[in-house]
Structure formats: C-alpha cells, structure tokens
N, C-alpha and C. Protein backbone atom coordinates (compact mmCIF):
# COMPACT_ATOMS: atom_id res chain seq x y z
N MET A 1 -29.88 -42.61 -39.87
CA MET A 1 -29.97 -40.98 -40.13
C MET A 1 -28.79 -40.23 -39.66
N SER A 2 -28.30 -39.22 -40.26
CA SER A 2 -27.07 -38.85 -40.05
C SER A 2 -27.25 -37.35 -39.12
N SER A 3 -26.40 -36.84 -38.37
CA SER A 3 -26.58 -35.73 -37.63
C SER A 3 -25.83 -34.62 -38.16
N GLN A 4 -26.46 -33.38 -38.29
CA GLN A 4 -25.74 -32.29 -38.93
C GLN A 4 -24.91 -31.64 -37.84
N TYR A 5 -23.91 -31.04 -38.43
CA TYR A 5 -23.06 -30.19 -37.34
C TYR A 5 -22.43 -29.01 -37.98
N LEU A 6 -22.01 -28.17 -37.13
CA LEU A 6 -20.87 -27.12 -37.71
C LEU A 6 -19.49 -27.62 -37.60
N LEU A 7 -18.77 -27.23 -38.63
CA LEU A 7 -17.28 -27.68 -38.70
C LEU A 7 -16.54 -26.30 -38.29
N LEU A 8 -15.76 -26.38 -37.13
CA LEU A 8 -14.99 -25.19 -36.88
C LEU A 8 -13.50 -25.71 -37.09
N LEU A 9 -12.80 -24.95 -38.12
CA LEU A 9 -11.49 -24.99 -38.34
C LEU A 9 -10.72 -23.97 -37.50
N GLY A 10 -9.60 -24.47 -36.97
CA GLY A 10 -8.75 -23.45 -36.14
C GLY A 10 -7.31 -23.23 -36.95
N MET A 11 -7.13 -22.00 -37.12
CA MET A 11 -5.79 -21.45 -37.75
C MET A 11 -5.03 -20.76 -36.75
N GLY A 12 -5.35 -20.55 -35.64
CA GLY A 12 -4.61 -19.60 -34.57
C GLY A 12 -4.96 -18.40 -34.69
N GLY A 13 -4.03 -17.33 -34.50
CA GLY A 13 -4.46 -15.85 -34.57
C GLY A 13 -4.73 -15.47 -33.24
N THR A 14 -4.96 -13.98 -33.19
CA THR A 14 -5.25 -13.37 -31.85
C THR A 14 -6.35 -13.87 -31.13
N ILE A 15 -7.39 -14.47 -31.89
CA ILE A 15 -8.58 -15.01 -31.37
C ILE A 15 -8.14 -16.17 -30.25
N ALA A 16 -7.01 -16.99 -30.68
CA ALA A 16 -6.44 -18.00 -29.90
C ALA A 16 -5.22 -17.50 -29.12
N GLY A 17 -5.01 -16.31 -28.94
CA GLY A 17 -3.92 -15.69 -28.34
C GLY A 17 -3.88 -15.61 -26.81
N LEU A 18 -3.00 -15.61 -26.17
CA LEU A 18 -2.87 -15.20 -24.62
C LEU A 18 -2.03 -14.25 -24.35
N ALA A 19 -2.57 -13.31 -23.50
CA ALA A 19 -1.78 -12.17 -23.08
C ALA A 19 -1.09 -12.48 -21.80
N ASP A 20 0.18 -12.21 -21.56
CA ASP A 20 1.03 -12.17 -20.30
C ASP A 20 0.24 -11.69 -19.20
N ASP A 21 -0.52 -10.48 -19.53
CA ASP A 21 -1.28 -9.84 -18.37
C ASP A 21 -2.44 -9.39 -18.91
N PRO A 22 -3.71 -10.10 -18.72
CA PRO A 22 -5.01 -9.63 -19.22
C PRO A 22 -5.40 -8.06 -19.21
N GLN A 23 -4.63 -7.45 -18.21
CA GLN A 23 -4.87 -6.04 -18.08
C GLN A 23 -4.16 -5.29 -19.21
N LYS A 24 -3.12 -5.91 -20.04
CA LYS A 24 -2.33 -5.34 -20.77
C LYS A 24 -2.05 -6.22 -21.98
N PRO A 25 -3.60 -6.35 -22.75
CA PRO A 25 -3.53 -7.18 -23.92
C PRO A 25 -2.75 -7.08 -25.18
N LEU A 26 -1.98 -5.99 -25.29
CA LEU A 26 -1.12 -5.88 -26.40
C LEU A 26 0.03 -6.59 -26.34
N THR A 27 0.52 -7.14 -25.16
CA THR A 27 1.83 -8.10 -25.22
C THR A 27 1.02 -9.42 -24.99
N TYR A 28 0.96 -10.12 -26.27
CA TYR A 28 0.50 -11.51 -26.26
C TYR A 28 1.30 -12.36 -27.42
N GLN A 29 0.97 -13.48 -27.16
CA GLN A 29 1.38 -14.61 -28.23
C GLN A 29 0.20 -15.00 -28.83
N ALA A 30 0.03 -15.11 -30.19
CA ALA A 30 -1.00 -15.49 -30.98
C ALA A 30 -0.89 -17.12 -31.15
N GLY A 31 -2.09 -17.63 -31.35
CA GLY A 31 -1.92 -19.16 -31.50
C GLY A 31 -1.72 -19.99 -30.39
N GLN A 32 -2.25 -19.70 -29.30
CA GLN A 32 -1.83 -20.54 -27.85
C GLN A 32 -2.84 -21.44 -27.63
N VAL A 33 -4.17 -20.97 -27.78
CA VAL A 33 -5.27 -21.64 -27.34
C VAL A 33 -5.77 -22.67 -28.43
N PRO A 34 -5.97 -23.94 -28.08
CA PRO A 34 -6.68 -24.87 -29.16
C PRO A 34 -7.97 -24.62 -29.54
N VAL A 35 -8.56 -24.62 -30.78
CA VAL A 35 -9.70 -24.28 -31.24
C VAL A 35 -10.79 -24.86 -30.39
N GLY A 36 -10.66 -26.27 -29.94
CA GLY A 36 -11.55 -26.86 -29.10
C GLY A 36 -11.92 -26.17 -27.98
N ASP A 37 -10.81 -25.68 -27.35
CA ASP A 37 -11.04 -24.87 -25.91
C ASP A 37 -11.82 -23.61 -26.27
N LEU A 38 -11.69 -22.96 -27.39
CA LEU A 38 -12.32 -21.61 -27.64
C LEU A 38 -13.73 -21.79 -27.73
N VAL A 39 -14.18 -23.06 -28.28
CA VAL A 39 -15.56 -23.40 -28.52
C VAL A 39 -16.28 -24.21 -27.29
N GLU A 40 -15.53 -24.49 -26.24
CA GLU A 40 -15.97 -25.42 -25.34
C GLU A 40 -17.26 -25.00 -24.53
N SER A 41 -17.36 -23.73 -24.33
CA SER A 41 -18.46 -23.39 -23.59
C SER A 41 -19.70 -23.23 -24.49
N LEU A 42 -19.56 -23.30 -25.63
CA LEU A 42 -20.73 -23.30 -26.71
C LEU A 42 -21.21 -24.67 -27.14
N GLN A 43 -20.27 -25.69 -26.90
CA GLN A 43 -20.53 -26.97 -27.19
C GLN A 43 -21.91 -27.72 -27.07
N PHE A 44 -22.56 -27.41 -25.96
CA PHE A 44 -23.89 -28.03 -25.81
C PHE A 44 -24.90 -26.78 -25.86
N ASP A 45 -24.74 -25.68 -26.44
CA ASP A 45 -25.92 -24.66 -26.46
C ASP A 45 -26.75 -25.16 -27.64
N PRO A 46 -27.82 -25.37 -27.32
CA PRO A 46 -28.92 -25.90 -28.41
C PRO A 46 -28.93 -24.73 -29.62
N GLU A 47 -28.44 -23.40 -29.31
CA GLU A 47 -28.54 -22.34 -30.42
C GLU A 47 -27.68 -22.78 -31.37
N PHE A 48 -26.54 -23.57 -31.19
CA PHE A 48 -25.50 -23.86 -32.11
C PHE A 48 -25.75 -25.29 -32.58
N GLY A 49 -26.09 -26.22 -31.84
CA GLY A 49 -26.16 -27.53 -32.09
C GLY A 49 -24.79 -28.21 -31.88
N ASP A 50 -24.50 -29.24 -32.65
CA ASP A 50 -23.27 -29.96 -32.55
C ASP A 50 -22.20 -29.23 -33.36
N ILE A 51 -20.96 -29.14 -32.64
CA ILE A 51 -19.80 -28.38 -33.33
C ILE A 51 -18.69 -29.46 -33.37
N LYS A 52 -17.89 -29.66 -34.41
CA LYS A 52 -16.86 -30.38 -34.45
C LYS A 52 -15.45 -29.74 -34.72
N THR A 53 -14.71 -29.72 -34.18
CA THR A 53 -13.52 -28.98 -34.27
C THR A 53 -12.23 -29.64 -34.87
N VAL A 54 -11.46 -28.89 -35.61
CA VAL A 54 -10.28 -29.61 -36.20
C VAL A 54 -9.33 -28.56 -36.19
N GLN A 55 -8.09 -28.66 -35.63
CA GLN A 55 -7.01 -27.75 -35.44
C GLN A 55 -6.13 -28.04 -36.67
N VAL A 56 -6.30 -27.16 -37.77
CA VAL A 56 -5.37 -27.23 -38.90
C VAL A 56 -4.07 -26.57 -38.60
N ALA A 57 -4.04 -25.45 -37.95
CA ALA A 57 -2.69 -24.90 -37.53
C ALA A 57 -2.99 -24.13 -36.19
N ASN A 58 -1.99 -23.44 -35.52
CA ASN A 58 -2.22 -22.76 -34.36
C ASN A 58 -0.82 -21.69 -34.31
N ILE A 59 -1.15 -20.66 -35.29
CA ILE A 59 0.14 -19.75 -35.59
C ILE A 59 -0.36 -18.41 -35.45
N ASP A 60 0.53 -17.63 -35.49
CA ASP A 60 0.36 -16.00 -35.84
C ASP A 60 0.03 -16.10 -37.26
N SER A 61 -0.82 -15.20 -37.64
CA SER A 61 -1.22 -15.40 -39.15
C SER A 61 -0.26 -14.76 -40.11
N ARG A 62 0.67 -14.03 -39.24
CA ARG A 62 1.74 -13.49 -40.28
C ARG A 62 2.64 -14.66 -40.81
N ASN A 63 2.73 -15.82 -40.03
CA ASN A 63 3.57 -16.83 -40.52
C ASN A 63 2.54 -18.05 -41.33
N MET A 64 1.78 -17.50 -41.98
CA MET A 64 0.77 -18.43 -42.78
C MET A 64 1.72 -18.73 -44.11
N THR A 65 1.46 -19.86 -44.59
CA THR A 65 2.39 -20.34 -45.67
C THR A 65 1.32 -20.93 -46.81
N GLU A 66 2.04 -21.02 -47.93
CA GLU A 66 1.20 -21.73 -49.08
C GLU A 66 0.81 -23.10 -48.60
N ASN A 67 1.68 -23.91 -47.87
CA ASN A 67 1.47 -25.29 -47.65
C ASN A 67 0.09 -25.11 -46.68
N LEU A 68 0.27 -24.32 -45.56
CA LEU A 68 -0.89 -24.19 -44.62
C LEU A 68 -2.32 -23.85 -45.39
N LEU A 69 -2.24 -22.98 -46.28
CA LEU A 69 -3.37 -22.54 -47.36
C LEU A 69 -3.91 -23.74 -47.96
N VAL A 70 -3.04 -24.60 -48.61
CA VAL A 70 -3.49 -25.63 -49.18
C VAL A 70 -4.09 -26.77 -48.24
N GLN A 71 -3.51 -26.88 -47.02
CA GLN A 71 -3.95 -27.82 -46.05
C GLN A 71 -5.45 -27.31 -45.61
N LEU A 72 -5.52 -26.09 -45.43
CA LEU A 72 -6.80 -25.37 -44.99
C LEU A 72 -7.86 -25.65 -46.09
N GLY A 73 -7.27 -25.45 -47.48
CA GLY A 73 -8.32 -25.51 -48.64
C GLY A 73 -8.99 -27.03 -48.54
N TRP A 74 -8.17 -28.05 -48.28
CA TRP A 74 -8.56 -29.25 -48.41
C TRP A 74 -9.58 -29.70 -47.23
N ALA A 75 -9.36 -29.11 -46.17
CA ALA A 75 -10.16 -29.18 -44.87
C ALA A 75 -11.54 -28.57 -45.22
N VAL A 76 -11.63 -27.46 -45.83
CA VAL A 76 -12.73 -26.79 -46.36
C VAL A 76 -13.42 -27.46 -47.40
N LYS A 77 -12.92 -28.02 -48.29
CA LYS A 77 -13.38 -28.68 -49.46
C LYS A 77 -14.16 -30.03 -48.92
N ALA A 78 -13.39 -30.73 -47.96
CA ALA A 78 -14.06 -32.10 -47.36
C ALA A 78 -15.27 -31.62 -46.52
N GLY A 79 -15.27 -30.47 -45.76
CA GLY A 79 -16.47 -29.93 -45.22
C GLY A 79 -17.66 -29.59 -46.16
N LEU A 80 -17.12 -28.87 -47.16
CA LEU A 80 -18.16 -28.72 -48.13
C LEU A 80 -19.13 -29.75 -48.74
N GLU A 81 -18.25 -30.80 -48.90
CA GLU A 81 -18.77 -32.04 -49.79
C GLU A 81 -19.26 -32.94 -48.62
N ASN A 82 -19.37 -32.76 -47.41
CA ASN A 82 -19.82 -33.77 -46.42
C ASN A 82 -21.30 -33.19 -46.30
N PRO A 83 -22.31 -33.96 -46.54
CA PRO A 83 -23.61 -33.62 -46.30
C PRO A 83 -23.93 -33.39 -44.74
N ASP A 84 -23.13 -33.92 -43.94
CA ASP A 84 -23.57 -33.53 -42.33
C ASP A 84 -23.04 -32.32 -42.04
N VAL A 85 -22.26 -31.66 -42.76
CA VAL A 85 -21.67 -30.37 -42.20
C VAL A 85 -22.82 -29.39 -42.74
N MET A 86 -23.15 -28.59 -41.80
CA MET A 86 -24.23 -27.43 -42.15
C MET A 86 -23.28 -26.19 -42.68
N GLY A 87 -22.31 -25.84 -42.16
CA GLY A 87 -21.49 -24.84 -42.53
C GLY A 87 -20.10 -24.90 -41.67
N ILE A 88 -19.15 -24.00 -42.14
CA ILE A 88 -17.85 -24.00 -41.70
C ILE A 88 -17.42 -22.68 -41.15
N VAL A 89 -16.85 -22.61 -40.07
CA VAL A 89 -16.16 -21.59 -39.42
C VAL A 89 -14.62 -21.62 -39.27
N ILE A 90 -13.94 -20.71 -39.54
CA ILE A 90 -12.35 -20.90 -39.56
C ILE A 90 -11.94 -19.65 -38.68
N THR A 91 -11.38 -19.93 -37.47
CA THR A 91 -10.81 -18.99 -36.54
C THR A 91 -9.25 -18.64 -37.19
N HIS A 92 -9.21 -17.32 -37.44
CA HIS A 92 -7.98 -16.83 -38.14
C HIS A 92 -7.56 -15.71 -37.51
N GLY A 93 -6.06 -15.44 -37.87
CA GLY A 93 -5.58 -14.10 -37.40
C GLY A 93 -5.98 -12.94 -38.40
N THR A 94 -5.95 -11.71 -37.96
CA THR A 94 -6.44 -10.61 -38.88
C THR A 94 -5.53 -10.23 -39.76
N ASP A 95 -4.19 -10.42 -39.52
CA ASP A 95 -3.00 -10.06 -40.27
C ASP A 95 -3.24 -10.38 -41.99
N THR A 96 -3.49 -11.85 -41.96
CA THR A 96 -3.69 -12.24 -43.33
C THR A 96 -5.15 -12.93 -43.62
N MET A 97 -6.14 -12.67 -42.86
CA MET A 97 -7.34 -13.26 -43.01
C MET A 97 -7.86 -12.90 -44.50
N GLU A 98 -7.66 -11.74 -44.84
CA GLU A 98 -8.17 -11.36 -46.14
C GLU A 98 -7.55 -11.96 -47.41
N GLU A 99 -6.28 -12.48 -47.26
CA GLU A 99 -5.63 -13.15 -48.32
C GLU A 99 -6.06 -14.61 -48.23
N THR A 100 -6.48 -15.11 -46.99
CA THR A 100 -7.02 -16.46 -47.02
C THR A 100 -8.24 -16.52 -47.43
N GLY A 101 -9.19 -15.39 -47.31
CA GLY A 101 -10.60 -15.32 -47.67
C GLY A 101 -10.45 -15.40 -49.28
N ILE A 102 -9.45 -14.54 -49.81
CA ILE A 102 -9.34 -14.58 -51.24
C ILE A 102 -9.07 -15.71 -51.93
N PHE A 103 -8.09 -16.58 -51.29
CA PHE A 103 -7.67 -17.87 -51.81
C PHE A 103 -8.72 -18.83 -51.76
N LEU A 104 -9.69 -18.71 -50.63
CA LEU A 104 -10.76 -19.76 -50.47
C LEU A 104 -11.80 -19.32 -51.48
N HIS A 105 -12.04 -18.06 -51.75
CA HIS A 105 -13.11 -17.64 -52.61
C HIS A 105 -12.61 -18.07 -54.19
N ALA A 106 -11.46 -17.94 -54.47
CA ALA A 106 -10.97 -18.30 -55.81
C ALA A 106 -11.01 -19.81 -55.95
N THR A 107 -10.74 -20.51 -54.80
CA THR A 107 -10.74 -22.04 -55.02
C THR A 107 -11.73 -22.75 -54.84
N LEU A 108 -12.65 -22.29 -53.76
CA LEU A 108 -13.72 -23.03 -53.47
C LEU A 108 -15.08 -22.19 -53.09
N GLY A 109 -15.00 -20.92 -53.79
CA GLY A 109 -16.40 -20.15 -53.62
C GLY A 109 -17.41 -20.71 -54.50
N LYS A 110 -17.27 -21.28 -55.68
CA LYS A 110 -18.33 -21.70 -56.39
C LYS A 110 -18.88 -23.04 -55.69
N LEU A 111 -17.73 -23.95 -55.09
CA LEU A 111 -18.39 -25.12 -54.63
C LEU A 111 -19.23 -24.62 -53.20
N ALA A 112 -18.85 -23.77 -52.60
CA ALA A 112 -19.69 -23.27 -51.17
C ALA A 112 -21.02 -22.92 -51.83
N SER A 113 -21.15 -22.24 -52.97
CA SER A 113 -22.42 -21.75 -53.49
C SER A 113 -23.25 -22.98 -53.98
N HIS A 114 -22.60 -23.93 -54.62
CA HIS A 114 -23.19 -24.81 -55.06
C HIS A 114 -24.04 -25.71 -54.04
N TYR A 115 -23.09 -25.94 -52.77
CA TYR A 115 -23.96 -26.76 -51.65
C TYR A 115 -24.65 -25.83 -50.87
N LYS A 116 -24.64 -24.61 -51.21
CA LYS A 116 -25.31 -23.49 -50.31
C LYS A 116 -25.02 -23.52 -48.77
N LYS A 117 -23.66 -23.43 -48.69
CA LYS A 117 -22.90 -23.45 -47.29
C LYS A 117 -22.28 -22.27 -47.06
N ALA A 118 -22.02 -21.70 -46.02
CA ALA A 118 -21.24 -20.70 -45.82
C ALA A 118 -20.04 -21.08 -45.23
N VAL A 119 -18.83 -20.44 -45.66
CA VAL A 119 -17.59 -20.70 -44.86
C VAL A 119 -17.25 -19.30 -44.36
N VAL A 120 -17.21 -19.18 -43.02
CA VAL A 120 -17.17 -17.73 -42.33
C VAL A 120 -15.66 -17.76 -41.64
N LEU A 121 -15.15 -16.70 -42.03
CA LEU A 121 -13.68 -16.51 -41.38
C LEU A 121 -14.03 -15.54 -40.27
N THR A 122 -13.42 -15.59 -39.02
CA THR A 122 -13.50 -14.70 -37.93
C THR A 122 -12.11 -14.72 -37.09
N GLY A 123 -12.14 -13.59 -36.36
CA GLY A 123 -10.95 -13.56 -35.60
C GLY A 123 -11.17 -12.72 -34.39
N ALA A 124 -10.15 -12.02 -34.03
CA ALA A 124 -10.21 -11.01 -32.70
C ALA A 124 -9.11 -9.91 -32.89
N MET A 125 -9.53 -8.87 -32.22
CA MET A 125 -8.44 -7.73 -32.04
C MET A 125 -7.72 -7.97 -30.76
N LEU A 126 -8.50 -8.65 -29.80
CA LEU A 126 -7.95 -8.89 -28.47
C LEU A 126 -7.71 -10.34 -28.10
N PRO A 127 -6.58 -10.74 -27.44
CA PRO A 127 -6.58 -12.13 -27.15
C PRO A 127 -7.50 -12.71 -26.23
N ALA A 128 -7.47 -14.04 -26.30
CA ALA A 128 -8.68 -14.79 -25.42
C ALA A 128 -8.75 -14.50 -24.13
N ASN A 129 -7.84 -14.26 -23.46
CA ASN A 129 -7.83 -14.18 -22.06
C ASN A 129 -7.80 -12.59 -21.67
N ALA A 130 -7.89 -11.78 -22.53
CA ALA A 130 -7.99 -10.22 -22.25
C ALA A 130 -9.28 -9.89 -21.69
N ASP A 131 -9.09 -8.69 -20.79
CA ASP A 131 -10.44 -8.20 -20.47
C ASP A 131 -11.21 -7.57 -21.64
N HIS A 132 -12.47 -7.91 -22.01
CA HIS A 132 -13.20 -7.31 -23.04
C HIS A 132 -12.85 -7.95 -24.30
N SER A 133 -12.33 -9.15 -24.27
CA SER A 133 -11.94 -9.85 -25.59
C SER A 133 -13.16 -9.93 -26.45
N ASP A 134 -12.87 -9.48 -27.90
CA ASP A 134 -14.06 -9.78 -28.72
C ASP A 134 -14.20 -11.12 -29.34
N GLY A 135 -13.25 -12.03 -29.11
CA GLY A 135 -13.32 -13.29 -29.83
C GLY A 135 -14.56 -14.12 -29.47
N GLN A 136 -15.09 -14.15 -28.47
CA GLN A 136 -16.15 -14.94 -28.20
C GLN A 136 -17.49 -14.38 -28.90
N ILE A 137 -17.60 -13.28 -28.94
CA ILE A 137 -18.98 -12.64 -29.61
C ILE A 137 -18.63 -12.98 -31.16
N ASN A 138 -17.53 -12.85 -31.60
CA ASN A 138 -17.09 -12.98 -32.96
C ASN A 138 -17.24 -14.49 -33.60
N LEU A 139 -16.77 -15.26 -32.52
CA LEU A 139 -16.95 -16.74 -32.83
C LEU A 139 -18.56 -17.18 -32.70
N LYS A 140 -19.20 -16.66 -31.80
CA LYS A 140 -20.67 -16.79 -31.78
C LYS A 140 -21.34 -16.43 -33.14
N SER A 141 -21.05 -15.19 -33.33
CA SER A 141 -21.71 -14.60 -34.58
C SER A 141 -21.43 -15.48 -35.94
N ALA A 142 -20.15 -15.80 -36.09
CA ALA A 142 -19.64 -16.61 -37.07
C ALA A 142 -20.42 -18.07 -37.18
N LEU A 143 -20.71 -18.68 -36.11
CA LEU A 143 -21.18 -19.90 -35.92
C LEU A 143 -22.70 -19.84 -36.39
N LEU A 144 -23.27 -18.90 -35.99
CA LEU A 144 -24.59 -18.50 -36.27
C LEU A 144 -24.90 -18.09 -37.66
N MET A 145 -23.92 -17.42 -38.41
CA MET A 145 -24.02 -17.13 -39.69
C MET A 145 -23.95 -18.41 -40.50
N ALA A 146 -23.06 -19.28 -40.05
CA ALA A 146 -22.71 -20.61 -40.96
C ALA A 146 -23.97 -21.45 -40.70
N LYS A 147 -24.49 -21.51 -39.57
CA LYS A 147 -25.65 -22.42 -39.30
C LYS A 147 -26.90 -21.88 -40.34
N GLN A 148 -26.95 -20.69 -40.23
CA GLN A 148 -28.22 -20.20 -40.94
C GLN A 148 -28.13 -19.69 -42.38
N ALA A 149 -26.95 -20.01 -43.13
CA ALA A 149 -26.57 -19.72 -44.40
C ALA A 149 -27.73 -19.87 -45.35
N ARG A 150 -28.40 -21.17 -45.28
CA ARG A 150 -29.52 -21.47 -46.29
C ARG A 150 -30.72 -20.75 -46.00
N GLU A 151 -31.06 -20.40 -44.94
CA GLU A 151 -32.12 -19.50 -44.56
C GLU A 151 -32.02 -18.10 -45.13
N THR A 152 -30.66 -17.52 -44.75
CA THR A 152 -30.67 -16.08 -45.14
C THR A 152 -29.98 -16.04 -46.44
N GLN A 153 -29.85 -17.10 -47.32
CA GLN A 153 -29.17 -17.00 -48.60
C GLN A 153 -27.89 -16.27 -48.53
N GLN A 154 -27.15 -16.47 -47.51
CA GLN A 154 -25.74 -15.86 -47.34
C GLN A 154 -24.69 -17.14 -47.32
N PHE A 155 -24.42 -17.52 -48.54
CA PHE A 155 -23.24 -18.54 -48.44
C PHE A 155 -22.32 -18.21 -49.41
N GLY A 156 -21.26 -18.93 -49.38
CA GLY A 156 -19.80 -18.82 -49.99
C GLY A 156 -19.03 -18.46 -49.02
N ILE A 157 -17.86 -17.69 -49.36
CA ILE A 157 -16.97 -17.30 -48.41
C ILE A 157 -17.13 -16.06 -47.79
N LEU A 158 -17.19 -15.86 -46.60
CA LEU A 158 -17.79 -14.62 -45.72
C LEU A 158 -16.81 -14.41 -44.66
N ALA A 159 -16.79 -13.31 -44.22
CA ALA A 159 -15.95 -13.01 -42.91
C ALA A 159 -16.99 -12.18 -41.80
N ILE A 160 -16.67 -12.41 -40.84
CA ILE A 160 -17.47 -11.37 -39.62
C ILE A 160 -16.72 -11.13 -38.48
N MET A 161 -16.72 -9.81 -38.01
CA MET A 161 -15.97 -9.32 -36.95
C MET A 161 -16.85 -8.45 -36.14
N ALA A 162 -16.63 -8.05 -34.99
CA ALA A 162 -17.57 -7.04 -34.23
C ALA A 162 -17.28 -5.79 -34.73
C-alpha cells in the first residue's frame, strides 16, 4: 500500500528570503531559506498530511534561466506521473512567477488535467523573517488547494497569493 503525499518544490524568491532587519523588510536577500525549513512547522499537521520537499533552486526569481525552467518542468512532470503525489506546490519569486506559470501551463497543463492534479505556484511579498510576512499563509493555502484539487475540480497550473 502506497502513501500519498504533497510534493513541495522550492525555487526561492521572497518567500524564502531573509531581511537584515525584520522591522525593515524591504532590505532582504531572496532565496536564503531552504524549502524544507519553510514547511517544517507544517510537516506533521494532519490537515496537510505528508509533505515531501525538493529544492530545485533557491534564487531571486529575476535570475530564472531557461535551464532552471526545464529542471522545474522535469520535476513537475515526475510528480504528476507519480500516483503517490496528490498535488504539487512550487514556492517561487513573484518577479517571474507568471512566466513560470505560462511555461508550465504550455508544457504540462494537459498532463496536470489528465491526472486531475493541481500544480500551485505561490510566493510572498515580504521575506520569511519579516514581521507580518505573508509567506506562511500563502504556503498553507497553496498546500490545501493542491491537496483538495480533485474534490474542488481545480486542477491544472494555478497560483495563489494572499
């Protein structure tokens, strides 16, 4: 008997960023926190179930390259084809999130719909250690959306932000 889980792919961005001073979050470095650390507090929450993380990259999304897009595409394809994966969430920077979404939709959108799985992109406007960071609520919302995709009939390539 196999155990189903959510697949969380980390690409970096502000959601994985750290501010020099949490009181002044506009001076920060994107892509500093590993994706496993972002989800650590949610790992054993029964609402989410099992979550497996893969760090594809940890960059400022302004530095996204075609090579990284292809790597991400292969990781998403493997997750879609894996019957143990319920859904996929990608943490991503907001600068190029829409371009990544378009790429994934064009290359894997039909596959996601075929398998009735959601691939949900999410990010944040404030770094992870900033006061009132939106990253955790965005991540929780994305994980729930990916988990409930079949029930809600919301599958394919999606994005969610606060």
